[in-house]
Amino acid sequence: MKTILKVKFFANLRNITGVKEIEMEGVENVGMLLEKLVEIYGKAFREAVFDDGRIRKFYKILHNGRDIDFEQGLETKLKSDDVIAIFPPAGGG
């Protein structure tokens, strides 16, 4: 059975992707999900989210409302009906 989950984008990631959320299937963990998102949205997405192959400082990725840093990071397992939210750092001034 394929894993179908929802990915929500916030702030500048909405501008890059052109959507607030998408459904994804066939990804086993958060790292694989991010790889697929780079394939779909290209260089702009990769440069926004990654710095030298690591998730940029202050980015938050939530798995069903819980920070993946408190789970298994990029190895956090995904299952159907999970919700991933990707938050860039807050800006302002």
N, C-alpha and C. Protein backbone atom coordinates (compact mmCIF):
# COMPACT_ATOMS: atom_id res chain seq x y z
N MET A 1 0.84 -1.19 0.00
CA MET A 1 0.00 0.00 0.00
C MET A 1 0.89 1.25 0.00
N LYS A 2 0.53 2.23 -0.82
CA LYS A 2 1.32 3.45 -0.90
C LYS A 2 1.01 4.39 0.25
N THR A 3 2.04 5.12 0.66
CA THR A 3 1.90 6.12 1.70
C THR A 3 1.46 7.42 1.04
N ILE A 4 0.28 7.92 1.40
CA ILE A 4 -0.20 9.21 0.89
C ILE A 4 -0.30 10.16 2.07
N LEU A 5 0.43 11.26 1.99
CA LEU A 5 0.43 12.22 3.09
C LEU A 5 0.31 13.63 2.55
N LYS A 6 0.08 14.55 3.45
CA LYS A 6 -0.09 15.95 3.08
C LYS A 6 1.15 16.73 3.50
N VAL A 7 1.59 17.64 2.60
CA VAL A 7 2.72 18.52 2.89
C VAL A 7 2.21 19.95 2.81
N LYS A 8 2.43 20.72 3.88
CA LYS A 8 2.00 22.12 3.92
C LYS A 8 3.22 23.02 3.87
N PHE A 9 3.10 24.08 3.04
CA PHE A 9 4.18 25.05 2.87
C PHE A 9 3.76 26.38 3.47
N PHE A 10 4.74 27.11 4.01
CA PHE A 10 4.46 28.40 4.63
C PHE A 10 5.44 29.45 4.11
N ALA A 11 5.02 30.72 4.23
CA ALA A 11 5.84 31.89 3.88
C ALA A 11 6.44 31.78 2.48
N ASN A 12 7.75 32.02 2.34
CA ASN A 12 8.36 32.06 1.01
C ASN A 12 8.27 30.72 0.28
N LEU A 13 8.09 29.63 1.00
CA LEU A 13 7.95 28.33 0.32
C LEU A 13 6.66 28.26 -0.48
N ARG A 14 5.65 29.00 -0.05
CA ARG A 14 4.42 29.07 -0.84
C ARG A 14 4.68 29.79 -2.16
N ASN A 15 5.53 30.81 -2.13
CA ASN A 15 5.88 31.52 -3.36
C ASN A 15 6.67 30.62 -4.30
N ILE A 16 7.58 29.84 -3.75
CA ILE A 16 8.42 28.96 -4.56
C ILE A 16 7.60 27.82 -5.17
N THR A 17 6.72 27.22 -4.37
CA THR A 17 5.95 26.07 -4.84
C THR A 17 4.69 26.48 -5.60
N GLY A 18 4.18 27.67 -5.28
CA GLY A 18 2.94 28.13 -5.89
C GLY A 18 1.69 27.52 -5.28
N VAL A 19 1.85 26.77 -4.19
CA VAL A 19 0.72 26.13 -3.51
C VAL A 19 0.88 26.20 -2.00
N LYS A 20 -0.25 26.07 -1.30
CA LYS A 20 -0.22 26.01 0.16
C LYS A 20 0.08 24.60 0.66
N GLU A 21 -0.41 23.61 -0.10
CA GLU A 21 -0.18 22.23 0.30
C GLU A 21 -0.33 21.30 -0.90
N ILE A 22 0.27 20.13 -0.76
CA ILE A 22 0.16 19.09 -1.79
C ILE A 22 0.02 17.74 -1.09
N GLU A 23 -0.41 16.77 -1.85
CA GLU A 23 -0.38 15.39 -1.37
C GLU A 23 0.78 14.69 -2.06
N MET A 24 1.47 13.86 -1.31
CA MET A 24 2.61 13.10 -1.83
C MET A 24 2.36 11.63 -1.53
N GLU A 25 2.94 10.79 -2.38
CA GLU A 25 2.83 9.36 -2.12
C GLU A 25 4.15 8.67 -2.38
N GLY A 26 4.30 7.51 -1.76
CA GLY A 26 5.47 6.69 -2.01
C GLY A 26 6.75 7.16 -1.35
N VAL A 27 6.65 7.93 -0.28
CA VAL A 27 7.86 8.35 0.44
C VAL A 27 7.85 7.69 1.82
N GLU A 28 9.02 7.20 2.21
CA GLU A 28 9.11 6.43 3.46
C GLU A 28 9.52 7.25 4.66
N ASN A 29 10.28 8.34 4.43
CA ASN A 29 10.73 9.16 5.55
C ASN A 29 10.86 10.62 5.12
N VAL A 30 11.15 11.48 6.07
CA VAL A 30 11.21 12.92 5.80
C VAL A 30 12.32 13.25 4.80
N GLY A 31 13.47 12.62 4.91
CA GLY A 31 14.56 12.87 3.98
C GLY A 31 14.16 12.56 2.55
N MET A 32 13.50 11.43 2.34
CA MET A 32 13.04 11.04 1.01
C MET A 32 12.00 12.02 0.50
N LEU A 33 11.14 12.50 1.39
CA LEU A 33 10.13 13.48 1.02
C LEU A 33 10.81 14.76 0.52
N LEU A 34 11.80 15.24 1.24
CA LEU A 34 12.49 16.47 0.83
C LEU A 34 13.20 16.28 -0.51
N GLU A 35 13.77 15.11 -0.75
CA GLU A 35 14.40 14.83 -2.04
C GLU A 35 13.37 14.93 -3.17
N LYS A 36 12.19 14.37 -2.95
CA LYS A 36 11.12 14.42 -3.95
C LYS A 36 10.68 15.86 -4.20
N LEU A 37 10.59 16.65 -3.12
CA LEU A 37 10.18 18.04 -3.28
C LEU A 37 11.20 18.83 -4.08
N VAL A 38 12.48 18.54 -3.90
CA VAL A 38 13.53 19.19 -4.70
C VAL A 38 13.37 18.78 -6.17
N GLU A 39 13.06 17.51 -6.42
CA GLU A 39 12.84 17.06 -7.80
C GLU A 39 11.67 17.82 -8.44
N ILE A 40 10.62 18.02 -7.67
CA ILE A 40 9.42 18.68 -8.19
C ILE A 40 9.63 20.18 -8.36
N TYR A 41 10.18 20.85 -7.34
CA TYR A 41 10.24 22.31 -7.33
C TYR A 41 11.61 22.89 -7.69
N GLY A 42 12.60 22.04 -7.84
CA GLY A 42 13.87 22.46 -8.40
C GLY A 42 14.80 23.26 -7.50
N LYS A 43 15.67 23.98 -8.19
CA LYS A 43 16.78 24.70 -7.56
C LYS A 43 16.29 25.72 -6.52
N ALA A 44 15.23 26.44 -6.81
CA ALA A 44 14.75 27.46 -5.87
C ALA A 44 14.35 26.83 -4.54
N PHE A 45 13.69 25.69 -4.60
CA PHE A 45 13.29 24.99 -3.37
C PHE A 45 14.53 24.50 -2.63
N ARG A 46 15.45 23.85 -3.36
CA ARG A 46 16.67 23.32 -2.74
C ARG A 46 17.44 24.44 -2.05
N GLU A 47 17.63 25.56 -2.74
CA GLU A 47 18.40 26.66 -2.17
C GLU A 47 17.70 27.31 -0.98
N ALA A 48 16.37 27.30 -0.99
CA ALA A 48 15.63 27.87 0.13
C ALA A 48 15.74 27.00 1.38
N VAL A 49 15.71 25.68 1.20
CA VAL A 49 15.62 24.76 2.33
C VAL A 49 16.98 24.25 2.80
N PHE A 50 17.92 24.07 1.87
CA PHE A 50 19.20 23.43 2.21
C PHE A 50 20.38 24.38 2.12
N ASP A 51 21.36 24.12 2.97
CA ASP A 51 22.64 24.81 2.93
C ASP A 51 23.71 23.74 3.10
N ASP A 52 24.51 23.51 2.07
CA ASP A 52 25.53 22.46 2.09
C ASP A 52 24.95 21.09 2.45
N GLY A 53 23.78 20.78 1.89
CA GLY A 53 23.18 19.47 2.11
C GLY A 53 22.45 19.30 3.42
N ARG A 54 22.46 20.31 4.25
CA ARG A 54 21.75 20.27 5.54
C ARG A 54 20.58 21.23 5.50
N ILE A 55 19.56 20.92 6.28
CA ILE A 55 18.42 21.84 6.37
C ILE A 55 18.92 23.14 6.98
N ARG A 56 18.54 24.24 6.36
CA ARG A 56 18.98 25.56 6.83
C ARG A 56 18.60 25.78 8.30
N LYS A 57 19.47 26.51 8.95
CA LYS A 57 19.25 26.88 10.35
C LYS A 57 17.91 27.61 10.49
N PHE A 58 17.22 27.31 11.52
CA PHE A 58 15.95 27.93 11.90
C PHE A 58 14.75 27.41 11.11
N TYR A 59 14.96 26.55 10.10
CA TYR A 59 13.82 25.91 9.45
C TYR A 59 13.23 24.91 10.42
N LYS A 60 11.91 24.79 10.42
CA LYS A 60 11.24 23.81 11.25
C LYS A 60 10.39 22.92 10.37
N ILE A 61 10.54 21.64 10.57
CA ILE A 61 9.72 20.66 9.87
C ILE A 61 8.95 19.89 10.95
N LEU A 62 7.63 19.97 10.84
CA LEU A 62 6.78 19.30 11.81
C LEU A 62 6.14 18.08 11.17
N HIS A 63 6.13 16.99 11.93
CA HIS A 63 5.49 15.74 11.54
C HIS A 63 4.31 15.55 12.48
N ASN A 64 3.12 15.72 11.93
CA ASN A 64 1.89 15.65 12.74
C ASN A 64 1.99 16.57 13.96
N GLY A 65 2.53 17.78 13.73
CA GLY A 65 2.61 18.80 14.77
C GLY A 65 3.81 18.69 15.69
N ARG A 66 4.67 17.70 15.47
CA ARG A 66 5.83 17.51 16.33
C ARG A 66 7.11 17.76 15.52
N ASP A 67 8.01 18.55 16.08
CA ASP A 67 9.28 18.88 15.44
C ASP A 67 10.07 17.59 15.18
N ILE A 68 10.52 17.40 13.93
CA ILE A 68 11.26 16.17 13.62
C ILE A 68 12.57 16.08 14.40
N ASP A 69 13.07 17.22 14.92
CA ASP A 69 14.28 17.18 15.74
C ASP A 69 14.05 16.37 17.01
N PHE A 70 12.80 16.21 17.43
CA PHE A 70 12.46 15.44 18.62
C PHE A 70 11.97 14.04 18.26
N GLU A 71 12.06 13.71 16.99
CA GLU A 71 11.74 12.37 16.51
C GLU A 71 13.05 11.78 15.97
N GLN A 72 13.06 11.31 14.75
CA GLN A 72 14.28 10.74 14.18
C GLN A 72 14.86 11.63 13.08
N GLY A 73 14.59 12.93 13.13
CA GLY A 73 15.13 13.85 12.14
C GLY A 73 14.69 13.46 10.74
N LEU A 74 15.62 13.48 9.79
CA LEU A 74 15.29 13.15 8.40
C LEU A 74 14.90 11.68 8.23
N GLU A 75 15.22 10.86 9.21
CA GLU A 75 14.86 9.43 9.16
C GLU A 75 13.47 9.17 9.73
N THR A 76 12.77 10.22 10.16
CA THR A 76 11.42 10.05 10.71
C THR A 76 10.54 9.34 9.69
N LYS A 77 9.99 8.21 10.10
CA LYS A 77 9.15 7.39 9.22
C LYS A 77 7.82 8.06 8.98
N LEU A 78 7.31 7.89 7.75
CA LEU A 78 6.03 8.48 7.37
C LEU A 78 5.03 7.39 7.02
N LYS A 79 3.76 7.68 7.31
CA LYS A 79 2.70 6.74 6.96
C LYS A 79 1.53 7.53 6.39
N SER A 80 0.59 6.82 5.81
CA SER A 80 -0.57 7.48 5.21
C SER A 80 -1.28 8.36 6.23
N ASP A 81 -1.78 9.47 5.73
CA ASP A 81 -2.53 10.45 6.50
C ASP A 81 -1.67 11.31 7.42
N ASP A 82 -0.34 11.15 7.37
CA ASP A 82 0.53 12.06 8.13
C ASP A 82 0.47 13.44 7.49
N VAL A 83 0.80 14.45 8.30
CA VAL A 83 0.87 15.83 7.80
C VAL A 83 2.26 16.36 8.13
N ILE A 84 2.94 16.85 7.08
CA ILE A 84 4.25 17.48 7.24
C ILE A 84 4.08 18.97 6.96
N ALA A 85 4.55 19.80 7.87
CA ALA A 85 4.50 21.25 7.70
C ALA A 85 5.95 21.76 7.68
N ILE A 86 6.26 22.57 6.68
CA ILE A 86 7.63 23.10 6.55
C ILE A 86 7.58 24.62 6.73
N PHE A 87 8.24 25.09 7.80
CA PHE A 87 8.23 26.50 8.16
C PHE A 87 9.62 27.10 7.96
N PRO A 88 9.74 28.11 7.09
CA PRO A 88 11.00 28.85 7.01
C PRO A 88 11.16 29.71 8.25
N PRO A 89 12.36 30.26 8.47
CA PRO A 89 12.52 31.14 9.62
C PRO A 89 11.60 32.35 9.50
N ALA A 90 11.13 32.80 10.64
CA ALA A 90 10.26 33.98 10.65
C ALA A 90 11.09 35.22 10.32
N GLY A 91 10.54 36.06 9.49
CA GLY A 91 11.22 37.30 9.15
C GLY A 91 10.46 38.48 9.74
N GLY A 92 11.03 39.59 9.58
CA GLY A 92 10.33 40.77 10.08
C GLY A 92 11.34 41.82 10.51
N GLY A 93 10.78 42.83 11.08
CA GLY A 93 11.68 43.88 11.55
C GLY A 93 10.93 45.11 11.90
